[in-house]
Amino acid sequence: PFINAILLAIEGLWIMESLSIATDA
C-alpha cells in the first residue's frame, strides 16, 4: 500500500506535467 501511494504521486506528477498544468520547478 505504501509503494502504491508513492507511485500514484509520481504518476500524478507525470500527468500534470503532460497536460501543462503542473506546479512550477
mmCIF file of all heavy atoms, coordinates in Angstrom:
data_MODEL
# 
_entry.id   MODEL 
# 
loop_
_atom_site.group_PDB 
_atom_site.id 
_atom_site.type_symbol 
_atom_site.label_atom_id 
_atom_site.label_alt_id 
_atom_site.label_comp_id 
_atom_site.label_asym_id 
_atom_site.label_entity_id 
_atom_site.label_seq_id 
_atom_site.pdbx_PDB_ins_code 
_atom_site.Cartn_x 
_atom_site.Cartn_y 
_atom_site.Cartn_z 
_atom_site.occupancy 
_atom_site.B_iso_or_equiv 
_atom_site.pdbx_formal_charge 
_atom_site.auth_seq_id 
_atom_site.auth_comp_id 
_atom_site.auth_asym_id 
_atom_site.auth_atom_id 
_atom_site.pdbx_PDB_model_num 
ATOM 1   N N   . PRO A 1 1  ? 0.817  -1.221 0.000   1.00 0.00 ? 1  PRO A N   1 
ATOM 2   C CA  . PRO A 1 1  ? 0.000  0.000  0.000   1.00 0.00 ? 1  PRO A CA  1 
ATOM 3   C C   . PRO A 1 1  ? 0.848  1.269  0.000   1.00 0.00 ? 1  PRO A C   1 
ATOM 4   O O   . PRO A 1 1  ? 0.490  2.265  -0.641  1.00 0.00 ? 1  PRO A O   1 
ATOM 5   C CB  . PRO A 1 1  ? -0.820 -0.120 1.286   1.00 0.00 ? 1  PRO A CB  1 
ATOM 6   C CG  . PRO A 1 1  ? -0.888 -1.584 1.544   1.00 0.00 ? 1  PRO A CG  1 
ATOM 7   C CD  . PRO A 1 1  ? 0.455  -2.111 1.115   1.00 0.00 ? 1  PRO A CD  1 
ATOM 8   N N   . PHE A 1 2  ? 1.965  1.224  0.698   1.00 0.00 ? 2  PHE A N   1 
ATOM 9   C CA  . PHE A 1 2  ? 2.861  2.378  0.726   1.00 0.00 ? 2  PHE A CA  1 
ATOM 10  C C   . PHE A 1 2  ? 3.462  2.616  -0.651  1.00 0.00 ? 2  PHE A C   1 
ATOM 11  O O   . PHE A 1 2  ? 3.500  3.748  -1.148  1.00 0.00 ? 2  PHE A O   1 
ATOM 12  C CB  . PHE A 1 2  ? 3.974  2.152  1.756   1.00 0.00 ? 2  PHE A CB  1 
ATOM 13  C CG  . PHE A 1 2  ? 4.990  3.260  1.800   1.00 0.00 ? 2  PHE A CG  1 
ATOM 14  C CD1 . PHE A 1 2  ? 4.747  4.415  2.502   1.00 0.00 ? 2  PHE A CD1 1 
ATOM 15  C CD2 . PHE A 1 2  ? 6.195  3.134  1.105   1.00 0.00 ? 2  PHE A CD2 1 
ATOM 16  C CE1 . PHE A 1 2  ? 5.680  5.447  2.533   1.00 0.00 ? 2  PHE A CE1 1 
ATOM 17  C CE2 . PHE A 1 2  ? 7.130  4.157  1.124   1.00 0.00 ? 2  PHE A CE2 1 
ATOM 18  C CZ  . PHE A 1 2  ? 6.868  5.328  1.841   1.00 0.00 ? 2  PHE A CZ  1 
ATOM 19  N N   . ILE A 1 3  ? 3.932  1.558  -1.286  1.00 0.00 ? 3  ILE A N   1 
ATOM 20  C CA  . ILE A 1 3  ? 4.503  1.668  -2.630  1.00 0.00 ? 3  ILE A CA  1 
ATOM 21  C C   . ILE A 1 3  ? 3.469  2.230  -3.600  1.00 0.00 ? 3  ILE A C   1 
ATOM 22  O O   . ILE A 1 3  ? 3.770  3.123  -4.405  1.00 0.00 ? 3  ILE A O   1 
ATOM 23  C CB  . ILE A 1 3  ? 4.993  0.297  -3.130  1.00 0.00 ? 3  ILE A CB  1 
ATOM 24  C CG1 . ILE A 1 3  ? 6.111  -0.233 -2.237  1.00 0.00 ? 3  ILE A CG1 1 
ATOM 25  C CG2 . ILE A 1 3  ? 5.462  0.375  -4.583  1.00 0.00 ? 3  ILE A CG2 1 
ATOM 26  C CD1 . ILE A 1 3  ? 6.429  -1.687 -2.458  1.00 0.00 ? 3  ILE A CD1 1 
ATOM 27  N N   . ASN A 1 4  ? 2.260  1.728  -3.505  1.00 0.00 ? 4  ASN A N   1 
ATOM 28  C CA  . ASN A 1 4  ? 1.198  2.178  -4.395  1.00 0.00 ? 4  ASN A CA  1 
ATOM 29  C C   . ASN A 1 4  ? 0.953  3.673  -4.233  1.00 0.00 ? 4  ASN A C   1 
ATOM 30  O O   . ASN A 1 4  ? 0.764  4.397  -5.217  1.00 0.00 ? 4  ASN A O   1 
ATOM 31  C CB  . ASN A 1 4  ? -0.078 1.389  -4.118  1.00 0.00 ? 4  ASN A CB  1 
ATOM 32  C CG  . ASN A 1 4  ? -1.095 1.506  -5.225  1.00 0.00 ? 4  ASN A CG  1 
ATOM 33  O OD1 . ASN A 1 4  ? -0.748 1.753  -6.381  1.00 0.00 ? 4  ASN A OD1 1 
ATOM 34  N ND2 . ASN A 1 4  ? -2.356 1.340  -4.889  1.00 0.00 ? 4  ASN A ND2 1 
ATOM 35  N N   . ALA A 1 5  ? 0.956  4.143  -2.996  1.00 0.00 ? 5  ALA A N   1 
ATOM 36  C CA  . ALA A 1 5  ? 0.731  5.571  -2.742  1.00 0.00 ? 5  ALA A CA  1 
ATOM 37  C C   . ALA A 1 5  ? 1.839  6.427  -3.357  1.00 0.00 ? 5  ALA A C   1 
ATOM 38  O O   . ALA A 1 5  ? 1.574  7.468  -3.962  1.00 0.00 ? 5  ALA A O   1 
ATOM 39  C CB  . ALA A 1 5  ? 0.648  5.825  -1.238  1.00 0.00 ? 5  ALA A CB  1 
ATOM 40  N N   . ILE A 1 6  ? 3.087  5.988  -3.240  1.00 0.00 ? 6  ILE A N   1 
ATOM 41  C CA  . ILE A 1 6  ? 4.209  6.732  -3.822  1.00 0.00 ? 6  ILE A CA  1 
ATOM 42  C C   . ILE A 1 6  ? 4.120  6.734  -5.340  1.00 0.00 ? 6  ILE A C   1 
ATOM 43  O O   . ILE A 1 6  ? 4.313  7.766  -5.998  1.00 0.00 ? 6  ILE A O   1 
ATOM 44  C CB  . ILE A 1 6  ? 5.556  6.130  -3.368  1.00 0.00 ? 6  ILE A CB  1 
ATOM 45  C CG1 . ILE A 1 6  ? 5.731  6.276  -1.847  1.00 0.00 ? 6  ILE A CG1 1 
ATOM 46  C CG2 . ILE A 1 6  ? 6.712  6.806  -4.105  1.00 0.00 ? 6  ILE A CG2 1 
ATOM 47  C CD1 . ILE A 1 6  ? 5.811  7.699  -1.350  1.00 0.00 ? 6  ILE A CD1 1 
ATOM 48  N N   . LEU A 1 7  ? 3.801  5.581  -5.916  1.00 0.00 ? 7  LEU A N   1 
ATOM 49  C CA  . LEU A 1 7  ? 3.688  5.504  -7.371  1.00 0.00 ? 7  LEU A CA  1 
ATOM 50  C C   . LEU A 1 7  ? 2.550  6.393  -7.881  1.00 0.00 ? 7  LEU A C   1 
ATOM 51  O O   . LEU A 1 7  ? 2.680  7.040  -8.925  1.00 0.00 ? 7  LEU A O   1 
ATOM 52  C CB  . LEU A 1 7  ? 3.457  4.060  -7.816  1.00 0.00 ? 7  LEU A CB  1 
ATOM 53  C CG  . LEU A 1 7  ? 4.647  3.108  -7.664  1.00 0.00 ? 7  LEU A CG  1 
ATOM 54  C CD1 . LEU A 1 7  ? 4.270  1.713  -8.144  1.00 0.00 ? 7  LEU A CD1 1 
ATOM 55  C CD2 . LEU A 1 7  ? 5.870  3.614  -8.414  1.00 0.00 ? 7  LEU A CD2 1 
ATOM 56  N N   . LEU A 1 8  ? 1.440  6.434  -7.158  1.00 0.00 ? 8  LEU A N   1 
ATOM 57  C CA  . LEU A 1 8  ? 0.335  7.298  -7.562  1.00 0.00 ? 8  LEU A CA  1 
ATOM 58  C C   . LEU A 1 8  ? 0.765  8.766  -7.553  1.00 0.00 ? 8  LEU A C   1 
ATOM 59  O O   . LEU A 1 8  ? 0.371  9.537  -8.435  1.00 0.00 ? 8  LEU A O   1 
ATOM 60  C CB  . LEU A 1 8  ? -0.868 7.086  -6.635  1.00 0.00 ? 8  LEU A CB  1 
ATOM 61  C CG  . LEU A 1 8  ? -1.654 5.797  -6.859  1.00 0.00 ? 8  LEU A CG  1 
ATOM 62  C CD1 . LEU A 1 8  ? -2.655 5.581  -5.736  1.00 0.00 ? 8  LEU A CD1 1 
ATOM 63  C CD2 . LEU A 1 8  ? -2.383 5.846  -8.206  1.00 0.00 ? 8  LEU A CD2 1 
ATOM 64  N N   . ALA A 1 9  ? 1.567  9.132  -6.582  1.00 0.00 ? 9  ALA A N   1 
ATOM 65  C CA  . ALA A 1 9  ? 2.057  10.516 -6.527  1.00 0.00 ? 9  ALA A CA  1 
ATOM 66  C C   . ALA A 1 9  ? 2.978  10.814 -7.705  1.00 0.00 ? 9  ALA A C   1 
ATOM 67  O O   . ALA A 1 9  ? 2.887  11.874 -8.341  1.00 0.00 ? 9  ALA A O   1 
ATOM 68  C CB  . ALA A 1 9  ? 2.787  10.758 -5.209  1.00 0.00 ? 9  ALA A CB  1 
ATOM 69  N N   . ILE A 1 10 ? 3.867  9.876  -8.024  1.00 0.00 ? 10 ILE A N   1 
ATOM 70  C CA  . ILE A 1 10 ? 4.772  10.045 -9.158  1.00 0.00 ? 10 ILE A CA  1 
ATOM 71  C C   . ILE A 1 10 ? 3.973  10.154 -10.455 1.00 0.00 ? 10 ILE A C   1 
ATOM 72  O O   . ILE A 1 10 ? 4.216  11.027 -11.301 1.00 0.00 ? 10 ILE A O   1 
ATOM 73  C CB  . ILE A 1 10 ? 5.758  8.864  -9.247  1.00 0.00 ? 10 ILE A CB  1 
ATOM 74  C CG1 . ILE A 1 10 ? 6.725  8.882  -8.066  1.00 0.00 ? 10 ILE A CG1 1 
ATOM 75  C CG2 . ILE A 1 10 ? 6.537  8.920  -10.565 1.00 0.00 ? 10 ILE A CG2 1 
ATOM 76  C CD1 . ILE A 1 10 ? 7.628  7.667  -8.009  1.00 0.00 ? 10 ILE A CD1 1 
ATOM 77  N N   . GLU A 1 11 ? 3.010  9.268  -10.611 1.00 0.00 ? 11 GLU A N   1 
ATOM 78  C CA  . GLU A 1 11 ? 2.195  9.265  -11.827 1.00 0.00 ? 11 GLU A CA  1 
ATOM 79  C C   . GLU A 1 11 ? 1.373  10.539 -11.939 1.00 0.00 ? 11 GLU A C   1 
ATOM 80  O O   . GLU A 1 11 ? 1.139  11.055 -13.043 1.00 0.00 ? 11 GLU A O   1 
ATOM 81  C CB  . GLU A 1 11 ? 1.292  8.024  -11.824 1.00 0.00 ? 11 GLU A CB  1 
ATOM 82  C CG  . GLU A 1 11 ? 2.072  6.731  -11.997 1.00 0.00 ? 11 GLU A CG  1 
ATOM 83  C CD  . GLU A 1 11 ? 1.388  5.521  -11.384 1.00 0.00 ? 11 GLU A CD  1 
ATOM 84  O OE1 . GLU A 1 11 ? 0.290  5.682  -10.809 1.00 0.00 ? 11 GLU A OE1 1 
ATOM 85  O OE2 . GLU A 1 11 ? 1.959  4.427  -11.464 1.00 0.00 ? 11 GLU A OE2 1 
ATOM 86  N N   . GLY A 1 12 ? 0.937  11.064 -10.796 1.00 0.00 ? 12 GLY A N   1 
ATOM 87  C CA  . GLY A 1 12 ? 0.223  12.331 -10.807 1.00 0.00 ? 12 GLY A CA  1 
ATOM 88  C C   . GLY A 1 12 ? 1.099  13.457 -11.326 1.00 0.00 ? 12 GLY A C   1 
ATOM 89  O O   . GLY A 1 12 ? 0.643  14.310 -12.101 1.00 0.00 ? 12 GLY A O   1 
ATOM 90  N N   . LEU A 1 13 ? 2.358  13.448 -10.926 1.00 0.00 ? 13 LEU A N   1 
ATOM 91  C CA  . LEU A 1 13 ? 3.299  14.447 -11.447 1.00 0.00 ? 13 LEU A CA  1 
ATOM 92  C C   . LEU A 1 13 ? 3.460  14.306 -12.950 1.00 0.00 ? 13 LEU A C   1 
ATOM 93  O O   . LEU A 1 13 ? 3.481  15.297 -13.689 1.00 0.00 ? 13 LEU A O   1 
ATOM 94  C CB  . LEU A 1 13 ? 4.660  14.294 -10.757 1.00 0.00 ? 13 LEU A CB  1 
ATOM 95  C CG  . LEU A 1 13 ? 4.788  14.860 -9.344  1.00 0.00 ? 13 LEU A CG  1 
ATOM 96  C CD1 . LEU A 1 13 ? 6.145  14.506 -8.763  1.00 0.00 ? 13 LEU A CD1 1 
ATOM 97  C CD2 . LEU A 1 13 ? 4.595  16.366 -9.344  1.00 0.00 ? 13 LEU A CD2 1 
ATOM 98  N N   . TRP A 1 14 ? 3.596  13.064 -13.429 1.00 0.00 ? 14 TRP A N   1 
ATOM 99  C CA  . TRP A 1 14 ? 3.719  12.830 -14.877 1.00 0.00 ? 14 TRP A CA  1 
ATOM 100 C C   . TRP A 1 14 ? 2.540  13.435 -15.623 1.00 0.00 ? 14 TRP A C   1 
ATOM 101 O O   . TRP A 1 14 ? 2.711  14.171 -16.599 1.00 0.00 ? 14 TRP A O   1 
ATOM 102 C CB  . TRP A 1 14 ? 3.719  11.331 -15.172 1.00 0.00 ? 14 TRP A CB  1 
ATOM 103 C CG  . TRP A 1 14 ? 4.940  10.569 -14.813 1.00 0.00 ? 14 TRP A CG  1 
ATOM 104 C CD1 . TRP A 1 14 ? 6.082  11.043 -14.234 1.00 0.00 ? 14 TRP A CD1 1 
ATOM 105 C CD2 . TRP A 1 14 ? 5.146  9.169  -15.001 1.00 0.00 ? 14 TRP A CD2 1 
ATOM 106 N NE1 . TRP A 1 14 ? 6.970  10.031 -14.040 1.00 0.00 ? 14 TRP A NE1 1 
ATOM 107 C CE2 . TRP A 1 14 ? 6.427  8.866  -14.501 1.00 0.00 ? 14 TRP A CE2 1 
ATOM 108 C CE3 . TRP A 1 14 ? 4.360  8.149  -15.522 1.00 0.00 ? 14 TRP A CE3 1 
ATOM 109 C CZ2 . TRP A 1 14 ? 6.958  7.585  -14.523 1.00 0.00 ? 14 TRP A CZ2 1 
ATOM 110 C CZ3 . TRP A 1 14 ? 4.881  6.870  -15.550 1.00 0.00 ? 14 TRP A CZ3 1 
ATOM 111 C CH2 . TRP A 1 14 ? 6.166  6.587  -15.059 1.00 0.00 ? 14 TRP A CH2 1 
ATOM 112 N N   . ILE A 1 15 ? 1.344  13.109 -15.140 1.00 0.00 ? 15 ILE A N   1 
ATOM 113 C CA  . ILE A 1 15 ? 0.146  13.555 -15.849 1.00 0.00 ? 15 ILE A CA  1 
ATOM 114 C C   . ILE A 1 15 ? 0.007  15.068 -15.809 1.00 0.00 ? 15 ILE A C   1 
ATOM 115 O O   . ILE A 1 15 ? -0.324 15.706 -16.814 1.00 0.00 ? 15 ILE A O   1 
ATOM 116 C CB  . ILE A 1 15 ? -1.097 12.863 -15.268 1.00 0.00 ? 15 ILE A CB  1 
ATOM 117 C CG1 . ILE A 1 15 ? -1.041 11.367 -15.578 1.00 0.00 ? 15 ILE A CG1 1 
ATOM 118 C CG2 . ILE A 1 15 ? -2.376 13.481 -15.832 1.00 0.00 ? 15 ILE A CG2 1 
ATOM 119 C CD1 . ILE A 1 15 ? -2.114 10.550 -14.905 1.00 0.00 ? 15 ILE A CD1 1 
ATOM 120 N N   . MET A 1 16 ? 0.264  15.670 -14.664 1.00 0.00 ? 16 MET A N   1 
ATOM 121 C CA  . MET A 1 16 ? 0.164  17.125 -14.550 1.00 0.00 ? 16 MET A CA  1 
ATOM 122 C C   . MET A 1 16 ? 1.156  17.810 -15.489 1.00 0.00 ? 16 MET A C   1 
ATOM 123 O O   . MET A 1 16 ? 0.836  18.802 -16.142 1.00 0.00 ? 16 MET A O   1 
ATOM 124 C CB  . MET A 1 16 ? 0.411  17.558 -13.109 1.00 0.00 ? 16 MET A CB  1 
ATOM 125 C CG  . MET A 1 16 ? -0.664 17.103 -12.142 1.00 0.00 ? 16 MET A CG  1 
ATOM 126 S SD  . MET A 1 16 ? -2.265 17.890 -12.455 1.00 0.00 ? 16 MET A SD  1 
ATOM 127 C CE  . MET A 1 16 ? -1.995 19.484 -11.701 1.00 0.00 ? 16 MET A CE  1 
ATOM 128 N N   . GLU A 1 17 ? 2.367  17.262 -15.566 1.00 0.00 ? 17 GLU A N   1 
ATOM 129 C CA  . GLU A 1 17 ? 3.366  17.820 -16.471 1.00 0.00 ? 17 GLU A CA  1 
ATOM 130 C C   . GLU A 1 17 ? 2.918  17.644 -17.920 1.00 0.00 ? 17 GLU A C   1 
ATOM 131 O O   . GLU A 1 17 ? 3.073  18.534 -18.751 1.00 0.00 ? 17 GLU A O   1 
ATOM 132 C CB  . GLU A 1 17 ? 4.713  17.134 -16.260 1.00 0.00 ? 17 GLU A CB  1 
ATOM 133 C CG  . GLU A 1 17 ? 5.383  17.461 -14.934 1.00 0.00 ? 17 GLU A CG  1 
ATOM 134 C CD  . GLU A 1 17 ? 6.107  18.789 -14.958 1.00 0.00 ? 17 GLU A CD  1 
ATOM 135 O OE1 . GLU A 1 17 ? 6.285  19.366 -16.047 1.00 0.00 ? 17 GLU A OE1 1 
ATOM 136 O OE2 . GLU A 1 17 ? 6.514  19.253 -13.867 1.00 0.00 ? 17 GLU A OE2 1 
ATOM 137 N N   . SER A 1 18 ? 2.370  16.479 -18.229 1.00 0.00 ? 18 SER A N   1 
ATOM 138 C CA  . SER A 1 18 ? 1.992  16.196 -19.606 1.00 0.00 ? 18 SER A CA  1 
ATOM 139 C C   . SER A 1 18 ? 0.862  17.098 -20.082 1.00 0.00 ? 18 SER A C   1 
ATOM 140 O O   . SER A 1 18 ? 0.759  17.403 -21.272 1.00 0.00 ? 18 SER A O   1 
ATOM 141 C CB  . SER A 1 18 ? 1.570  14.730 -19.758 1.00 0.00 ? 18 SER A CB  1 
ATOM 142 O OG  . SER A 1 18 ? 0.300  14.501 -19.190 1.00 0.00 ? 18 SER A OG  1 
ATOM 143 N N   . LEU A 1 19 ? 0.019  17.535 -19.163 1.00 0.00 ? 19 LEU A N   1 
ATOM 144 C CA  . LEU A 1 19 ? -1.097 18.401 -19.515 1.00 0.00 ? 19 LEU A CA  1 
ATOM 145 C C   . LEU A 1 19 ? -0.751 19.878 -19.367 1.00 0.00 ? 19 LEU A C   1 
ATOM 146 O O   . LEU A 1 19 ? -1.604 20.741 -19.547 1.00 0.00 ? 19 LEU A O   1 
ATOM 147 C CB  . LEU A 1 19 ? -2.315 18.060 -18.637 1.00 0.00 ? 19 LEU A CB  1 
ATOM 148 C CG  . LEU A 1 19 ? -2.861 16.633 -18.797 1.00 0.00 ? 19 LEU A CG  1 
ATOM 149 C CD1 . LEU A 1 19 ? -3.991 16.395 -17.821 1.00 0.00 ? 19 LEU A CD1 1 
ATOM 150 C CD2 . LEU A 1 19 ? -3.320 16.403 -20.230 1.00 0.00 ? 19 LEU A CD2 1 
ATOM 151 N N   . SER A 1 20 ? 0.501  20.146 -19.034 1.00 0.00 ? 20 SER A N   1 
ATOM 152 C CA  . SER A 1 20 ? 0.990  21.525 -18.887 1.00 0.00 ? 20 SER A CA  1 
ATOM 153 C C   . SER A 1 20 ? 0.220  22.305 -17.828 1.00 0.00 ? 20 SER A C   1 
ATOM 154 O O   . SER A 1 20 ? 0.040  23.520 -17.931 1.00 0.00 ? 20 SER A O   1 
ATOM 155 C CB  . SER A 1 20 ? 0.903  22.267 -20.231 1.00 0.00 ? 20 SER A CB  1 
ATOM 156 O OG  . SER A 1 20 ? 1.690  21.627 -21.197 1.00 0.00 ? 20 SER A OG  1 
ATOM 157 N N   . ILE A 1 21 ? -0.227 21.613 -16.788 1.00 0.00 ? 21 ILE A N   1 
ATOM 158 C CA  . ILE A 1 21 ? -0.879 22.307 -15.681 1.00 0.00 ? 21 ILE A CA  1 
ATOM 159 C C   . ILE A 1 21 ? -0.181 21.950 -14.371 1.00 0.00 ? 21 ILE A C   1 
ATOM 160 O O   . ILE A 1 21 ? -0.789 21.984 -13.299 1.00 0.00 ? 21 ILE A O   1 
ATOM 161 C CB  . ILE A 1 21 ? -2.379 21.956 -15.602 1.00 0.00 ? 21 ILE A CB  1 
ATOM 162 C CG1 . ILE A 1 21 ? -2.598 20.447 -15.544 1.00 0.00 ? 21 ILE A CG1 1 
ATOM 163 C CG2 . ILE A 1 21 ? -3.141 22.545 -16.771 1.00 0.00 ? 21 ILE A CG2 1 
ATOM 164 C CD1 . ILE A 1 21 ? -4.062 20.055 -15.359 1.00 0.00 ? 21 ILE A CD1 1 
ATOM 165 N N   . ALA A 1 22 ? 1.081  21.600 -14.471 1.00 0.00 ? 22 ALA A N   1 
ATOM 166 C CA  . ALA A 1 22 ? 1.831  21.162 -13.305 1.00 0.00 ? 22 ALA A CA  1 
ATOM 167 C C   . ALA A 1 22 ? 2.285  22.339 -12.463 1.00 0.00 ? 22 ALA A C   1 
ATOM 168 O O   . ALA A 1 22 ? 2.187  23.501 -12.851 1.00 0.00 ? 22 ALA A O   1 
ATOM 169 C CB  . ALA A 1 22 ? 3.038  20.340 -13.743 1.00 0.00 ? 22 ALA A CB  1 
ATOM 170 N N   . THR A 1 23 ? 2.790  22.005 -11.296 1.00 0.00 ? 23 THR A N   1 
ATOM 171 C CA  . THR A 1 23 ? 3.394  23.000 -10.435 1.00 0.00 ? 23 THR A CA  1 
ATOM 172 C C   . THR A 1 23 ? 4.684  23.501 -11.076 1.00 0.00 ? 23 THR A C   1 
ATOM 173 O O   . THR A 1 23 ? 5.200  22.906 -12.012 1.00 0.00 ? 23 THR A O   1 
ATOM 174 C CB  . THR A 1 23 ? 3.731  22.376 -9.073  1.00 0.00 ? 23 THR A CB  1 
ATOM 175 O OG1 . THR A 1 23 ? 4.553  21.213 -9.285  1.00 0.00 ? 23 THR A OG1 1 
ATOM 176 C CG2 . THR A 1 23 ? 2.466  21.948 -8.350  1.00 0.00 ? 23 THR A CG2 1 
ATOM 177 N N   . ASP A 1 24 ? 5.216  24.614 -10.544 1.00 0.00 ? 24 ASP A N   1 
ATOM 178 C CA  . ASP A 1 24 ? 6.457  25.127 -11.109 1.00 0.00 ? 24 ASP A CA  1 
ATOM 179 C C   . ASP A 1 24 ? 7.639  24.317 -10.576 1.00 0.00 ? 24 ASP A C   1 
ATOM 180 O O   . ASP A 1 24 ? 7.475  23.397 -9.773  1.00 0.00 ? 24 ASP A O   1 
ATOM 181 C CB  . ASP A 1 24 ? 6.614  26.620 -10.821 1.00 0.00 ? 24 ASP A CB  1 
ATOM 182 C CG  . ASP A 1 24 ? 6.681  26.935 -9.325  1.00 0.00 ? 24 ASP A CG  1 
ATOM 183 O OD1 . ASP A 1 24 ? 7.119  26.068 -8.532  1.00 0.00 ? 24 ASP A OD1 1 
ATOM 184 O OD2 . ASP A 1 24 ? 6.291  28.055 -8.950  1.00 0.00 ? 24 ASP A OD2 1 
ATOM 185 N N   . ALA A 1 25 ? 8.837  24.666 -11.047 1.00 0.00 ? 25 ALA A N   1 
ATOM 186 C CA  . ALA A 1 25 ? 10.022 23.866 -10.724 1.00 0.00 ? 25 ALA A CA  1 
ATOM 187 C C   . ALA A 1 25 ? 10.271 23.806 -9.217  1.00 0.00 ? 25 ALA A C   1 
ATOM 188 O O   . ALA A 1 25 ? 10.621 22.745 -8.680  1.00 0.00 ? 25 ALA A O   1 
ATOM 189 C CB  . ALA A 1 25 ? 11.237 24.438 -11.438 1.00 0.00 ? 25 ALA A CB  1 
# 
